[in-house]
């Protein structure tokens, strides 16, 4: 979030105080997929409560359902049963523009594979969400440039995505996820494709942005060492979310 707009992060949002309270909650969240006449259960009743300002890490092996959980929280997929509440409102009640605004404005999503457009510059990739919602090209690029400075890539704004290193590409993806100043940042294995040095650097960048811009963040990761630096660590195991460590409020997520 650019410095001149930081104050907007501290204003009161409808349904939740900007400094406290539950931002997003999962209630008995279940997800199953049909496969060849049989059913595969991925989530078996996840209950989760994330407070404003928390940085929560979700750990677990590949196939445990971490991506599925994040997709449900972002309304990129719908649960088999149970519900997700954002600012005390069930997201399955959102329709039309309200659902689109939730996905595109309230949520910032960082993928393991950055999904940048290789033939576009770093600045254009970051500006894309703004352009898609109708912002002017010049305005969008100015905002994009500010975010690229935030992630340490002010010298790479005009480089095409294909000309950037893996670590630089993920920094561009982080800037793109935050360019619309979302309330919630979701990151699915954001360091999974990076070497150790770049993984640490990207994680520390996300920690800094989380803190300085008062984000609420949920990071799914295999890396238990980096996860241990979050406020809370949850283990996704056998379709349930189990506490590993809680340095905030006990019982606020289980």
C-alpha atoms as a PDB file:
ATOM      1  CA  UNK A   1       0.000   0.000   0.000  1.00  0.00           C
ATOM      2  CA  UNK A   2       1.595   3.324  -0.964  1.00  0.00           C
ATOM      3  CA  UNK A   3       2.651   5.538   1.916  1.00  0.00           C
ATOM      4  CA  UNK A   4       0.175   8.261   1.122  1.00  0.00           C
ATOM      5  CA  UNK A   5      -2.761   5.828   1.425  1.00  0.00           C
ATOM      6  CA  UNK A   6      -1.615   3.876   4.477  1.00  0.00           C
ATOM      7  CA  UNK A   7      -4.172   5.609   6.682  1.00  0.00           C
ATOM      8  CA  UNK A   8      -6.991   3.854   4.867  1.00  0.00           C
ATOM      9  CA  UNK A   9      -5.893   0.591   6.456  1.00  0.00           C
ATOM     10  CA  UNK A  10      -6.837   1.865   9.901  1.00  0.00           C
ATOM     11  CA  UNK A  11     -10.369   2.968   9.148  1.00  0.00           C
ATOM     12  CA  UNK A  12     -13.323   0.972  10.404  1.00  0.00           C
ATOM     13  CA  UNK A  13     -14.753  -1.531   7.926  1.00  0.00           C
ATOM     14  CA  UNK A  14     -18.383  -2.567   8.086  1.00  0.00           C
ATOM     15  CA  UNK A  15     -18.855  -5.486  10.476  1.00  0.00           C
ATOM     16  CA  UNK A  16     -15.367  -5.475  12.009  1.00  0.00           C
ATOM     17  CA  UNK A  17     -13.174  -2.939  13.758  1.00  0.00           C
ATOM     18  CA  UNK A  18      -9.995  -2.262  11.788  1.00  0.00           C
ATOM     19  CA  UNK A  19      -7.761  -2.941  14.800  1.00  0.00           C
ATOM     20  CA  UNK A  20      -9.457  -5.965  16.381  1.00  0.00           C
ATOM     21  CA  UNK A  21     -12.054  -8.666  15.925  1.00  0.00           C
ATOM     22  CA  UNK A  22     -12.430 -11.638  13.623  1.00  0.00           C
ATOM     23  CA  UNK A  23     -11.902 -10.859   9.953  1.00  0.00           C
ATOM     24  CA  UNK A  24     -12.536 -14.285   8.427  1.00  0.00           C
ATOM     25  CA  UNK A  25     -13.955 -17.467   9.874  1.00  0.00           C
ATOM     26  CA  UNK A  26     -14.544 -21.006   8.639  1.00  0.00           C
ATOM     27  CA  UNK A  27     -17.311 -23.009  10.295  1.00  0.00           C
ATOM     28  CA  UNK A  28     -17.335 -26.796   9.905  1.00  0.00           C
ATOM     29  CA  UNK A  29     -15.839 -26.425   6.445  1.00  0.00           C
ATOM     30  CA  UNK A  30     -15.942 -29.635   4.423  1.00  0.00           C
ATOM     31  CA  UNK A  31     -14.834 -30.354   0.882  1.00  0.00           C
ATOM     32  CA  UNK A  32     -15.123 -33.591  -1.055  1.00  0.00           C
ATOM     33  CA  UNK A  33     -14.505 -34.451  -4.684  1.00  0.00           C
ATOM     34  CA  UNK A  34     -16.036 -37.246  -6.686  1.00  0.00           C
ATOM     35  CA  UNK A  35     -13.596 -39.509  -8.527  1.00  0.00           C
ATOM     36  CA  UNK A  36     -14.596 -42.547 -10.557  1.00  0.00           C
ATOM     37  CA  UNK A  37     -17.754 -43.204  -8.603  1.00  0.00           C
ATOM     38  CA  UNK A  38     -15.993 -42.758  -5.257  1.00  0.00           C
ATOM     39  CA  UNK A  39     -15.637 -39.679  -3.098  1.00  0.00           C
ATOM     40  CA  UNK A  40     -12.391 -38.183  -1.843  1.00  0.00           C
ATOM     41  CA  UNK A  41     -12.682 -36.049   1.278  1.00  0.00           C
ATOM     42  CA  UNK A  42     -10.095 -33.267   1.525  1.00  0.00           C
ATOM     43  CA  UNK A  43     -11.459 -31.190   4.410  1.00  0.00           C
ATOM     44  CA  UNK A  44     -13.416 -32.902   7.175  1.00  0.00           C
ATOM     45  CA  UNK A  45     -14.781 -30.043   9.247  1.00  0.00           C
ATOM     46  CA  UNK A  46     -12.309 -27.180   9.477  1.00  0.00           C
ATOM     47  CA  UNK A  47     -13.066 -24.521  12.062  1.00  0.00           C
ATOM     48  CA  UNK A  48     -10.926 -21.420  11.803  1.00  0.00           C
ATOM     49  CA  UNK A  49     -11.086 -17.911  13.181  1.00  0.00           C
ATOM     50  CA  UNK A  50      -8.527 -15.333  11.988  1.00  0.00           C
ATOM     51  CA  UNK A  51      -8.365 -11.997  13.745  1.00  0.00           C
ATOM     52  CA  UNK A  52      -7.517  -8.681  12.130  1.00  0.00           C
ATOM     53  CA  UNK A  53      -3.760  -8.213  11.951  1.00  0.00           C
ATOM     54  CA  UNK A  54      -2.780 -11.854  12.416  1.00  0.00           C
ATOM     55  CA  UNK A  55      -0.124 -13.630  10.375  1.00  0.00           C
ATOM     56  CA  UNK A  56      -1.076 -17.312  10.386  1.00  0.00           C
ATOM     57  CA  UNK A  57       0.902 -20.126   8.759  1.00  0.00           C
ATOM     58  CA  UNK A  58      -0.824 -23.329   7.656  1.00  0.00           C
ATOM     59  CA  UNK A  59       1.549 -26.260   7.279  1.00  0.00           C
ATOM     60  CA  UNK A  60       1.089 -29.776   5.989  1.00  0.00           C
ATOM     61  CA  UNK A  61       2.359 -32.135   3.284  1.00  0.00           C
ATOM     62  CA  UNK A  62       1.385 -31.958  -0.363  1.00  0.00           C
ATOM     63  CA  UNK A  63      -2.155 -33.185  -0.821  1.00  0.00           C
ATOM     64  CA  UNK A  64      -3.227 -32.286   2.719  1.00  0.00           C
ATOM     65  CA  UNK A  65      -5.672 -29.674   1.423  1.00  0.00           C
ATOM     66  CA  UNK A  66      -3.846 -26.399   2.057  1.00  0.00           C
ATOM     67  CA  UNK A  67      -4.602 -25.054  -1.423  1.00  0.00           C
ATOM     68  CA  UNK A  68      -8.195 -26.227  -1.174  1.00  0.00           C
ATOM     69  CA  UNK A  69      -8.611 -24.356   2.110  1.00  0.00           C
ATOM     70  CA  UNK A  70      -7.220 -21.117   0.685  1.00  0.00           C
ATOM     71  CA  UNK A  71      -9.396 -21.422  -2.418  1.00  0.00           C
ATOM     72  CA  UNK A  72     -12.489 -21.782  -0.239  1.00  0.00           C
ATOM     73  CA  UNK A  73     -11.521 -18.777   1.876  1.00  0.00           C
ATOM     74  CA  UNK A  74     -11.056 -16.742  -1.310  1.00  0.00           C
ATOM     75  CA  UNK A  75     -14.376 -17.949  -2.812  1.00  0.00           C
ATOM     76  CA  UNK A  76     -12.473 -19.426  -5.745  1.00  0.00           C
ATOM     77  CA  UNK A  77     -14.229 -22.699  -4.917  1.00  0.00           C
ATOM     78  CA  UNK A  78     -17.305 -23.546  -2.861  1.00  0.00           C
ATOM     79  CA  UNK A  79     -17.416 -25.986   0.069  1.00  0.00           C
ATOM     80  CA  UNK A  80     -19.397 -29.216   0.056  1.00  0.00           C
ATOM     81  CA  UNK A  81     -20.843 -28.053   3.370  1.00  0.00           C
ATOM     82  CA  UNK A  82     -20.078 -25.520   6.055  1.00  0.00           C
ATOM     83  CA  UNK A  83     -19.485 -21.835   5.440  1.00  0.00           C
ATOM     84  CA  UNK A  84     -16.913 -19.058   5.320  1.00  0.00           C
ATOM     85  CA  UNK A  85     -17.732 -15.744   6.995  1.00  0.00           C
ATOM     86  CA  UNK A  86     -15.935 -12.540   6.077  1.00  0.00           C
ATOM     87  CA  UNK A  87     -16.585  -9.570   8.350  1.00  0.00           C
ATOM     88  CA  UNK A  88     -19.432 -11.619   9.861  1.00  0.00           C
ATOM     89  CA  UNK A  89     -21.138 -12.169   6.489  1.00  0.00           C
ATOM     90  CA  UNK A  90     -21.435 -15.584   4.862  1.00  0.00           C
ATOM     91  CA  UNK A  91     -19.659 -15.375   1.517  1.00  0.00           C
ATOM     92  CA  UNK A  92     -22.029 -17.910  -0.027  1.00  0.00           C
ATOM     93  CA  UNK A  93     -24.683 -15.184   0.282  1.00  0.00           C
ATOM     94  CA  UNK A  94     -22.656 -12.821  -1.923  1.00  0.00           C
ATOM     95  CA  UNK A  95     -23.973 -12.407  -5.445  1.00  0.00           C
ATOM     96  CA  UNK A  96     -22.862 -10.632  -8.597  1.00  0.00           C
ATOM     97  CA  UNK A  97     -20.772  -7.551  -7.980  1.00  0.00           C
ATOM     98  CA  UNK A  98     -20.530  -8.235  -4.231  1.00  0.00           C
ATOM     99  CA  UNK A  99     -18.869 -11.606  -4.887  1.00  0.00           C
ATOM    100  CA  UNK A 100     -16.601 -10.094  -7.542  1.00  0.00           C
ATOM    101  CA  UNK A 101     -15.587  -7.300  -5.174  1.00  0.00           C
ATOM    102  CA  UNK A 102     -14.807  -9.825  -2.460  1.00  0.00           C
ATOM    103  CA  UNK A 103     -12.573 -11.876  -4.743  1.00  0.00           C
ATOM    104  CA  UNK A 104     -10.887  -8.947  -6.442  1.00  0.00           C
ATOM    105  CA  UNK A 105     -10.776  -6.235  -3.786  1.00  0.00           C
ATOM    106  CA  UNK A 106     -10.981  -7.826  -0.329  1.00  0.00           C
ATOM    107  CA  UNK A 107      -8.604 -10.688  -1.124  1.00  0.00           C
ATOM    108  CA  UNK A 108      -5.029 -10.558  -2.390  1.00  0.00           C
ATOM    109  CA  UNK A 109      -3.783 -13.966  -3.575  1.00  0.00           C
ATOM    110  CA  UNK A 110      -0.153 -15.007  -4.095  1.00  0.00           C
ATOM    111  CA  UNK A 111       0.294 -18.297  -5.929  1.00  0.00           C
ATOM    112  CA  UNK A 112       3.270 -20.661  -5.787  1.00  0.00           C
ATOM    113  CA  UNK A 113       3.673 -20.177  -9.527  1.00  0.00           C
ATOM    114  CA  UNK A 114       3.442 -16.465 -10.066  1.00  0.00           C
ATOM    115  CA  UNK A 115       1.261 -16.567 -13.231  1.00  0.00           C
ATOM    116  CA  UNK A 116       2.796 -13.364 -14.608  1.00  0.00           C
ATOM    117  CA  UNK A 117       2.247 -12.428 -18.245  1.00  0.00           C
ATOM    118  CA  UNK A 118       5.678 -12.982 -19.762  1.00  0.00           C
ATOM    119  CA  UNK A 119       5.320 -10.425 -22.579  1.00  0.00           C
ATOM    120  CA  UNK A 120       4.252  -7.617 -20.266  1.00  0.00           C
ATOM    121  CA  UNK A 121       6.526  -5.503 -18.087  1.00  0.00           C
ATOM    122  CA  UNK A 122       6.706  -5.843 -14.320  1.00  0.00           C
ATOM    123  CA  UNK A 123       4.793  -2.559 -14.004  1.00  0.00           C
ATOM    124  CA  UNK A 124       2.057  -3.711 -16.387  1.00  0.00           C
ATOM    125  CA  UNK A 125       1.684  -7.030 -14.546  1.00  0.00           C
ATOM    126  CA  UNK A 126       1.222  -5.264 -11.217  1.00  0.00           C
ATOM    127  CA  UNK A 127      -1.163  -2.749 -12.771  1.00  0.00           C
ATOM    128  CA  UNK A 128      -3.336  -5.425 -14.397  1.00  0.00           C
ATOM    129  CA  UNK A 129      -5.922  -5.708 -11.552  1.00  0.00           C
ATOM    130  CA  UNK A 130      -6.363  -1.929 -11.615  1.00  0.00           C
ATOM    131  CA  UNK A 131      -6.718  -1.852 -15.398  1.00  0.00           C
ATOM    132  CA  UNK A 132      -9.268  -4.673 -15.296  1.00  0.00           C
ATOM    133  CA  UNK A 133     -11.460  -2.684 -12.941  1.00  0.00           C
ATOM    134  CA  UNK A 134     -11.317   0.353 -15.234  1.00  0.00           C
ATOM    135  CA  UNK A 135      -8.495   2.515 -13.867  1.00  0.00           C
ATOM    136  CA  UNK A 136      -6.712   4.783 -16.334  1.00  0.00           C
ATOM    137  CA  UNK A 137      -3.466   3.440 -17.768  1.00  0.00           C
ATOM    138  CA  UNK A 138      -1.268   6.262 -16.440  1.00  0.00           C
ATOM    139  CA  UNK A 139      -2.820   6.161 -12.978  1.00  0.00           C
ATOM    140  CA  UNK A 140      -2.517   2.370 -12.813  1.00  0.00           C
ATOM    141  CA  UNK A 141       1.165   2.465 -13.790  1.00  0.00           C
ATOM    142  CA  UNK A 142       1.899   5.147 -11.202  1.00  0.00           C
ATOM    143  CA  UNK A 143       0.321   3.017  -8.482  1.00  0.00           C
ATOM    144  CA  UNK A 144       2.141  -0.035  -9.815  1.00  0.00           C
ATOM    145  CA  UNK A 145       5.479   1.790  -9.665  1.00  0.00           C
ATOM    146  CA  UNK A 146       4.918   2.677  -6.011  1.00  0.00           C
ATOM    147  CA  UNK A 147       4.271  -0.945  -5.171  1.00  0.00           C
ATOM    148  CA  UNK A 148       7.318  -2.118  -7.083  1.00  0.00           C
ATOM    149  CA  UNK A 149       9.369   0.271  -4.939  1.00  0.00           C
ATOM    150  CA  UNK A 150       7.753  -1.344  -1.896  1.00  0.00           C
ATOM    151  CA  UNK A 151       9.077  -4.762  -2.942  1.00  0.00           C
ATOM    152  CA  UNK A 152      12.527  -3.473  -3.960  1.00  0.00           C
ATOM    153  CA  UNK A 153      12.093  -3.621  -7.734  1.00  0.00           C
ATOM    154  CA  UNK A 154      12.022   0.057  -8.671  1.00  0.00           C
ATOM    155  CA  UNK A 155      14.865  -0.589 -11.145  1.00  0.00           C
ATOM    156  CA  UNK A 156      12.967  -3.403 -12.882  1.00  0.00           C
ATOM    157  CA  UNK A 157       9.636  -1.757 -13.674  1.00  0.00           C
ATOM    158  CA  UNK A 158      10.193  -1.799 -17.452  1.00  0.00           C
ATOM    159  CA  UNK A 159      11.636  -5.299 -17.633  1.00  0.00           C
ATOM    160  CA  UNK A 160       9.364  -7.941 -19.054  1.00  0.00           C
ATOM    161  CA  UNK A 161       8.347 -10.673 -16.647  1.00  0.00           C
ATOM    162  CA  UNK A 162      10.336 -13.246 -18.610  1.00  0.00           C
ATOM    163  CA  UNK A 163      13.498 -11.232 -18.019  1.00  0.00           C
ATOM    164  CA  UNK A 164      13.213 -11.408 -14.232  1.00  0.00           C
ATOM    165  CA  UNK A 165      14.667 -14.002 -11.876  1.00  0.00           C
ATOM    166  CA  UNK A 166      12.398 -16.357  -9.946  1.00  0.00           C
ATOM    167  CA  UNK A 167      12.712 -14.298  -6.774  1.00  0.00           C
ATOM    168  CA  UNK A 168      11.988 -11.084  -8.660  1.00  0.00           C
ATOM    169  CA  UNK A 169       8.956 -12.622 -10.344  1.00  0.00           C
ATOM    170  CA  UNK A 170       7.508 -13.616  -6.977  1.00  0.00           C
ATOM    171  CA  UNK A 171       8.070 -10.081  -5.670  1.00  0.00           C
ATOM    172  CA  UNK A 172       6.108  -8.775  -8.657  1.00  0.00           C
ATOM    173  CA  UNK A 173       3.355 -11.274  -7.837  1.00  0.00           C
ATOM    174  CA  UNK A 174       3.236 -10.002  -4.246  1.00  0.00           C
ATOM    175  CA  UNK A 175       2.971  -6.397  -5.452  1.00  0.00           C
ATOM    176  CA  UNK A 176       0.172  -7.417  -7.838  1.00  0.00           C
ATOM    177  CA  UNK A 177      -1.704  -9.142  -4.989  1.00  0.00           C
ATOM    178  CA  UNK A 178      -1.546  -6.005  -2.845  1.00  0.00           C
ATOM    179  CA  UNK A 179      -2.020  -3.270  -5.445  1.00  0.00           C
ATOM    180  CA  UNK A 180      -5.754  -2.998  -4.666  1.00  0.00           C
ATOM    181  CA  UNK A 181      -5.077  -2.798  -0.918  1.00  0.00           C
ATOM    182  CA  UNK A 182      -6.967  -5.948   0.137  1.00  0.00           C
ATOM    183  CA  UNK A 183      -8.009  -6.660   3.712  1.00  0.00           C
ATOM    184  CA  UNK A 184      -6.742 -10.245   3.561  1.00  0.00           C
ATOM    185  CA  UNK A 185      -3.601 -11.666   1.946  1.00  0.00           C
ATOM    186  CA  UNK A 186      -3.644 -15.369   1.088  1.00  0.00           C
ATOM    187  CA  UNK A 187      -0.398 -16.990  -0.073  1.00  0.00           C
ATOM    188  CA  UNK A 188      -0.239 -20.559  -1.368  1.00  0.00           C
ATOM    189  CA  UNK A 189       3.322 -21.895  -1.031  1.00  0.00           C
ATOM    190  CA  UNK A 190       4.773 -18.485  -1.965  1.00  0.00           C
ATOM    191  CA  UNK A 191       8.372 -19.707  -1.484  1.00  0.00           C
ATOM    192  CA  UNK A 192       7.858 -23.247  -2.804  1.00  0.00           C
ATOM    193  CA  UNK A 193       9.626 -22.694  -6.138  1.00  0.00           C
ATOM    194  CA  UNK A 194      12.517 -20.649  -4.710  1.00  0.00           C
ATOM    195  CA  UNK A 195      15.956 -21.588  -3.426  1.00  0.00           C
ATOM    196  CA  UNK A 196      16.638 -21.157   0.281  1.00  0.00           C
ATOM    197  CA  UNK A 197      18.119 -17.669   0.032  1.00  0.00           C
ATOM    198  CA  UNK A 198      15.286 -16.306  -2.082  1.00  0.00           C
ATOM    199  CA  UNK A 199      12.690 -18.135   0.013  1.00  0.00           C
ATOM    200  CA  UNK A 200      13.909 -16.397   3.167  1.00  0.00           C
ATOM    201  CA  UNK A 201      14.030 -13.026   1.403  1.00  0.00           C
ATOM    202  CA  UNK A 202      10.474 -13.360   0.049  1.00  0.00           C
ATOM    203  CA  UNK A 203       9.109 -14.524   3.397  1.00  0.00           C
ATOM    204  CA  UNK A 204      10.773 -11.615   5.192  1.00  0.00           C
ATOM    205  CA  UNK A 205       9.351  -9.224   2.597  1.00  0.00           C
ATOM    206  CA  UNK A 206       5.861 -10.568   3.223  1.00  0.00           C
ATOM    207  CA  UNK A 207       6.391 -10.232   6.974  1.00  0.00           C
ATOM    208  CA  UNK A 208       7.443  -6.603   6.537  1.00  0.00           C
ATOM    209  CA  UNK A 209       4.496  -5.757   4.281  1.00  0.00           C
ATOM    210  CA  UNK A 210       2.137  -7.535   6.679  1.00  0.00           C
ATOM    211  CA  UNK A 211       3.397  -5.410   9.546  1.00  0.00           C
ATOM    212  CA  UNK A 212       3.785  -2.026   7.880  1.00  0.00           C
ATOM    213  CA  UNK A 213       0.455  -2.182   6.053  1.00  0.00           C
ATOM    214  CA  UNK A 214      -1.526  -3.798   8.873  1.00  0.00           C
ATOM    215  CA  UNK A 215      -2.512  -6.779   6.767  1.00  0.00           C
ATOM    216  CA  UNK A 216      -4.222  -9.948   7.864  1.00  0.00           C
ATOM    217  CA  UNK A 217      -2.338 -12.829   6.255  1.00  0.00           C
ATOM    218  CA  UNK A 218      -2.668 -16.593   5.868  1.00  0.00           C
ATOM    219  CA  UNK A 219       0.318 -18.404   4.349  1.00  0.00           C
ATOM    220  CA  UNK A 220       0.249 -22.064   3.359  1.00  0.00           C
ATOM    221  CA  UNK A 221       3.741 -23.542   3.315  1.00  0.00           C
ATOM    222  CA  UNK A 222       5.815 -26.732   3.521  1.00  0.00           C
ATOM    223  CA  UNK A 223       8.598 -24.784   5.214  1.00  0.00           C
ATOM    224  CA  UNK A 224       8.109 -25.305   8.946  1.00  0.00           C
ATOM    225  CA  UNK A 225      11.135 -23.150   9.808  1.00  0.00           C
ATOM    226  CA  UNK A 226       9.670 -20.094   8.076  1.00  0.00           C
ATOM    227  CA  UNK A 227       6.188 -20.958   9.322  1.00  0.00           C
ATOM    228  CA  UNK A 228       7.490 -20.828  12.879  1.00  0.00           C
ATOM    229  CA  UNK A 229       8.045 -17.084  12.455  1.00  0.00           C
ATOM    230  CA  UNK A 230       4.299 -16.461  12.020  1.00  0.00           C
ATOM    231  CA  UNK A 231       2.004 -15.428  14.882  1.00  0.00           C
ATOM    232  CA  UNK A 232       0.376 -18.856  14.834  1.00  0.00           C
ATOM    233  CA  UNK A 233       1.086 -22.146  13.104  1.00  0.00           C
ATOM    234  CA  UNK A 234      -1.685 -24.592  12.223  1.00  0.00           C
ATOM    235  CA  UNK A 235      -1.238 -28.122  10.912  1.00  0.00           C
ATOM    236  CA  UNK A 236      -3.671 -29.411   8.293  1.00  0.00           C
ATOM    237  CA  UNK A 237      -3.882 -33.134   8.999  1.00  0.00           C
ATOM    238  CA  UNK A 238      -6.511 -35.724   8.054  1.00  0.00           C
ATOM    239  CA  UNK A 239      -8.797 -32.949   6.862  1.00  0.00           C
ATOM    240  CA  UNK A 240      -8.687 -31.032  10.145  1.00  0.00           C
ATOM    241  CA  UNK A 241      -6.798 -27.924  11.224  1.00  0.00           C
ATOM    242  CA  UNK A 242      -4.816 -28.540  14.400  1.00  0.00           C
ATOM    243  CA  UNK A 243      -2.877 -25.972  16.462  1.00  0.00           C
ATOM    244  CA  UNK A 244       0.904 -26.329  16.452  1.00  0.00           C
ATOM    245  CA  UNK A 245       1.747 -23.092  18.239  1.00  0.00           C
ATOM    246  CA  UNK A 246      -0.277 -20.091  19.291  1.00  0.00           C
ATOM    247  CA  UNK A 247       1.462 -16.947  20.466  1.00  0.00           C
ATOM    248  CA  UNK A 248      -1.707 -14.859  20.270  1.00  0.00           C
ATOM    249  CA  UNK A 249      -5.038 -15.867  21.787  1.00  0.00           C
ATOM    250  CA  UNK A 250      -5.540 -19.559  22.614  1.00  0.00           C
ATOM    251  CA  UNK A 251      -8.594 -21.132  21.076  1.00  0.00           C
ATOM    252  CA  UNK A 252      -9.148 -18.475  18.403  1.00  0.00           C
ATOM    253  CA  UNK A 253      -8.496 -21.066  15.708  1.00  0.00           C
ATOM    254  CA  UNK A 254      -8.849 -24.806  15.964  1.00  0.00           C
END
